[in-house]
Amino acid sequence: MLRTYKKFWRRYFDFKGRSRRSDYWWVFLINIIIYLVLATIFLLSSGLSVALNADVDNFSALTWIALILLIV
């Protein structure tokens, strides 16, 4: 699984040949897991009520980092 993810990033701009369907879905699954971890960090570091009210004055540095990574 991680080997497939590394291969994806190493051959990202190599447009020769084809990828297998399983390679695509493994990368998709790992990206979803990364997104869920970052979203959890964002919600836990900001506090759920602060995140739902979008009170950006109370965001910590960890919250801003997690939010930026989520957007990227």
N, C-alpha and C. Protein backbone atom coordinates (compact mmCIF):
# COMPACT_ATOMS: atom_id res chain seq x y z
N MET A 1 0.83 -1.18 0.00
CA MET A 1 0.00 0.00 0.00
C MET A 1 0.88 1.25 0.00
N LEU A 2 1.82 1.35 0.92
CA LEU A 2 2.69 2.53 0.95
C LEU A 2 3.64 2.55 -0.24
N ARG A 3 4.01 1.39 -0.72
CA ARG A 3 4.87 1.31 -1.90
C ARG A 3 4.14 1.92 -3.11
N THR A 4 2.86 1.63 -3.22
CA THR A 4 2.05 2.19 -4.31
C THR A 4 1.95 3.71 -4.18
N TYR A 5 1.80 4.20 -2.96
CA TYR A 5 1.70 5.64 -2.74
C TYR A 5 3.01 6.34 -3.09
N LYS A 6 4.14 5.73 -2.71
CA LYS A 6 5.44 6.31 -3.06
C LYS A 6 5.65 6.30 -4.57
N LYS A 7 5.24 5.21 -5.22
CA LYS A 7 5.38 5.11 -6.66
C LYS A 7 4.54 6.18 -7.36
N PHE A 8 3.38 6.46 -6.83
CA PHE A 8 2.52 7.50 -7.38
C PHE A 8 3.23 8.85 -7.39
N TRP A 9 3.86 9.21 -6.29
CA TRP A 9 4.52 10.51 -6.21
C TRP A 9 5.82 10.54 -7.01
N ARG A 10 6.51 9.43 -7.11
CA ARG A 10 7.74 9.40 -7.92
C ARG A 10 7.44 9.51 -9.41
N ARG A 11 6.35 8.93 -9.86
CA ARG A 11 5.99 8.92 -11.28
C ARG A 11 4.84 9.87 -11.58
N TYR A 12 4.69 10.91 -10.80
CA TYR A 12 3.55 11.82 -10.92
C TYR A 12 3.49 12.49 -12.28
N PHE A 13 4.63 12.92 -12.83
CA PHE A 13 4.64 13.61 -14.11
C PHE A 13 5.13 12.73 -15.26
N ASP A 14 5.17 11.45 -15.05
CA ASP A 14 5.55 10.50 -16.10
C ASP A 14 4.27 10.04 -16.79
N PHE A 15 4.05 10.53 -18.00
CA PHE A 15 2.80 10.25 -18.69
C PHE A 15 2.92 9.08 -19.67
N LYS A 16 3.96 8.30 -19.53
CA LYS A 16 4.13 7.12 -20.38
C LYS A 16 3.51 5.92 -19.67
N GLY A 17 2.86 5.10 -20.43
CA GLY A 17 2.30 3.89 -19.84
C GLY A 17 0.99 4.14 -19.12
N ARG A 18 0.55 3.15 -18.39
CA ARG A 18 -0.73 3.22 -17.70
C ARG A 18 -0.57 2.73 -16.27
N SER A 19 -1.48 3.18 -15.44
CA SER A 19 -1.52 2.70 -14.05
C SER A 19 -2.62 1.66 -13.92
N ARG A 20 -2.43 0.81 -12.95
CA ARG A 20 -3.49 -0.17 -12.68
C ARG A 20 -4.60 0.50 -11.88
N ARG A 21 -5.75 -0.07 -11.95
CA ARG A 21 -6.90 0.47 -11.22
C ARG A 21 -6.67 0.41 -9.72
N SER A 22 -6.03 -0.64 -9.26
CA SER A 22 -5.77 -0.77 -7.82
C SER A 22 -4.81 0.31 -7.34
N ASP A 23 -3.84 0.71 -8.19
CA ASP A 23 -2.92 1.79 -7.81
C ASP A 23 -3.70 3.08 -7.55
N TYR A 24 -4.64 3.37 -8.41
CA TYR A 24 -5.46 4.58 -8.24
C TYR A 24 -6.22 4.52 -6.92
N TRP A 25 -6.88 3.43 -6.64
CA TRP A 25 -7.73 3.35 -5.45
C TRP A 25 -6.91 3.34 -4.16
N TRP A 26 -5.70 2.77 -4.17
CA TRP A 26 -4.86 2.83 -2.97
C TRP A 26 -4.46 4.26 -2.67
N VAL A 27 -4.07 5.01 -3.70
CA VAL A 27 -3.71 6.42 -3.51
C VAL A 27 -4.92 7.20 -3.01
N PHE A 28 -6.08 6.95 -3.58
CA PHE A 28 -7.30 7.61 -3.16
C PHE A 28 -7.60 7.32 -1.69
N LEU A 29 -7.47 6.06 -1.28
CA LEU A 29 -7.73 5.67 0.11
C LEU A 29 -6.76 6.35 1.07
N ILE A 30 -5.49 6.37 0.73
CA ILE A 30 -4.50 7.00 1.61
C ILE A 30 -4.76 8.50 1.71
N ASN A 31 -5.13 9.15 0.60
CA ASN A 31 -5.45 10.58 0.65
C ASN A 31 -6.67 10.86 1.53
N ILE A 32 -7.66 10.00 1.48
CA ILE A 32 -8.84 10.16 2.34
C ILE A 32 -8.45 10.01 3.81
N ILE A 33 -7.60 9.04 4.12
CA ILE A 33 -7.15 8.84 5.50
C ILE A 33 -6.38 10.06 5.99
N ILE A 34 -5.48 10.59 5.15
CA ILE A 34 -4.74 11.80 5.53
C ILE A 34 -5.69 12.96 5.77
N TYR A 35 -6.68 13.13 4.90
CA TYR A 35 -7.65 14.20 5.07
C TYR A 35 -8.44 14.05 6.37
N LEU A 36 -8.86 12.84 6.68
CA LEU A 36 -9.63 12.62 7.91
C LEU A 36 -8.79 12.89 9.16
N VAL A 37 -7.52 12.51 9.13
CA VAL A 37 -6.63 12.79 10.26
C VAL A 37 -6.47 14.29 10.44
N LEU A 38 -6.24 15.03 9.34
CA LEU A 38 -6.08 16.48 9.44
C LEU A 38 -7.37 17.16 9.89
N ALA A 39 -8.50 16.67 9.41
CA ALA A 39 -9.79 17.24 9.84
C ALA A 39 -10.02 17.00 11.33
N THR A 40 -9.64 15.83 11.81
CA THR A 40 -9.78 15.52 13.23
C THR A 40 -8.87 16.42 14.06
N ILE A 41 -7.63 16.60 13.62
CA ILE A 41 -6.71 17.49 14.33
C ILE A 41 -7.28 18.90 14.36
N PHE A 42 -7.83 19.36 13.24
CA PHE A 42 -8.41 20.69 13.17
C PHE A 42 -9.56 20.84 14.16
N LEU A 43 -10.46 19.88 14.17
CA LEU A 43 -11.62 19.99 15.05
C LEU A 43 -11.24 19.87 16.52
N LEU A 44 -10.29 19.00 16.83
CA LEU A 44 -9.90 18.83 18.22
C LEU A 44 -9.04 19.99 18.73
N SER A 45 -8.21 20.56 17.86
CA SER A 45 -7.34 21.64 18.32
C SER A 45 -8.09 22.96 18.44
N SER A 46 -9.12 23.15 17.65
CA SER A 46 -9.85 24.41 17.72
C SER A 46 -11.03 24.33 18.68
N GLY A 47 -11.42 23.15 19.00
CA GLY A 47 -12.64 22.99 19.78
C GLY A 47 -13.81 22.97 18.81
N LEU A 48 -14.70 22.07 18.96
CA LEU A 48 -15.78 21.90 18.00
C LEU A 48 -16.67 23.14 17.93
N SER A 49 -16.96 23.75 19.06
CA SER A 49 -17.84 24.92 19.03
C SER A 49 -17.18 26.10 18.34
N VAL A 50 -15.87 26.27 18.53
CA VAL A 50 -15.16 27.37 17.86
C VAL A 50 -15.15 27.12 16.36
N ALA A 51 -14.93 25.87 15.95
CA ALA A 51 -14.89 25.55 14.53
C ALA A 51 -16.25 25.74 13.88
N LEU A 52 -17.31 25.37 14.58
CA LEU A 52 -18.64 25.52 13.99
C LEU A 52 -19.08 26.98 13.92
N ASN A 53 -18.63 27.79 14.85
CA ASN A 53 -18.97 29.21 14.83
C ASN A 53 -18.01 30.03 13.98
N ALA A 54 -16.94 29.42 13.50
CA ALA A 54 -15.91 30.08 12.69
C ALA A 54 -15.35 31.30 13.41
N ASP A 55 -15.10 31.17 14.68
CA ASP A 55 -14.52 32.25 15.48
C ASP A 55 -13.00 32.18 15.33
N VAL A 56 -12.48 32.82 14.28
CA VAL A 56 -11.06 32.69 13.93
C VAL A 56 -10.14 33.38 14.93
N ASP A 57 -10.67 34.22 15.79
CA ASP A 57 -9.82 34.87 16.79
C ASP A 57 -9.30 33.89 17.83
N ASN A 58 -9.99 32.78 18.03
CA ASN A 58 -9.61 31.81 19.04
C ASN A 58 -8.84 30.61 18.48
N PHE A 59 -8.45 30.64 17.20
CA PHE A 59 -7.71 29.53 16.60
C PHE A 59 -6.27 29.55 17.10
N SER A 60 -5.75 28.37 17.43
CA SER A 60 -4.35 28.26 17.84
C SER A 60 -3.48 28.07 16.59
N ALA A 61 -2.17 28.05 16.79
CA ALA A 61 -1.25 27.85 15.66
C ALA A 61 -1.45 26.47 15.03
N LEU A 62 -1.67 25.46 15.85
CA LEU A 62 -1.92 24.11 15.33
C LEU A 62 -3.19 24.08 14.49
N THR A 63 -4.19 24.82 14.90
CA THR A 63 -5.44 24.88 14.15
C THR A 63 -5.21 25.51 12.79
N TRP A 64 -4.45 26.58 12.74
CA TRP A 64 -4.18 27.24 11.45
C TRP A 64 -3.38 26.32 10.53
N ILE A 65 -2.42 25.61 11.08
CA ILE A 65 -1.61 24.68 10.25
C ILE A 65 -2.49 23.58 9.70
N ALA A 66 -3.35 23.00 10.54
CA ALA A 66 -4.24 21.93 10.08
C ALA A 66 -5.22 22.46 9.04
N LEU A 67 -5.72 23.67 9.22
CA LEU A 67 -6.66 24.24 8.27
C LEU A 67 -5.99 24.49 6.92
N ILE A 68 -4.79 25.01 6.93
CA ILE A 68 -4.06 25.27 5.69
C ILE A 68 -3.78 23.95 4.95
N LEU A 69 -3.38 22.92 5.71
CA LEU A 69 -3.12 21.62 5.08
C LEU A 69 -4.40 21.00 4.52
N LEU A 70 -5.53 21.23 5.19
CA LEU A 70 -6.79 20.73 4.67
C LEU A 70 -7.16 21.40 3.36
N ILE A 71 -6.91 22.69 3.27
CA ILE A 71 -7.24 23.42 2.05
C ILE A 71 -6.34 22.99 0.91
N VAL A 72 -5.06 22.80 1.21
CA VAL A 72 -4.11 22.37 0.17
C VAL A 72 -4.44 20.96 -0.24
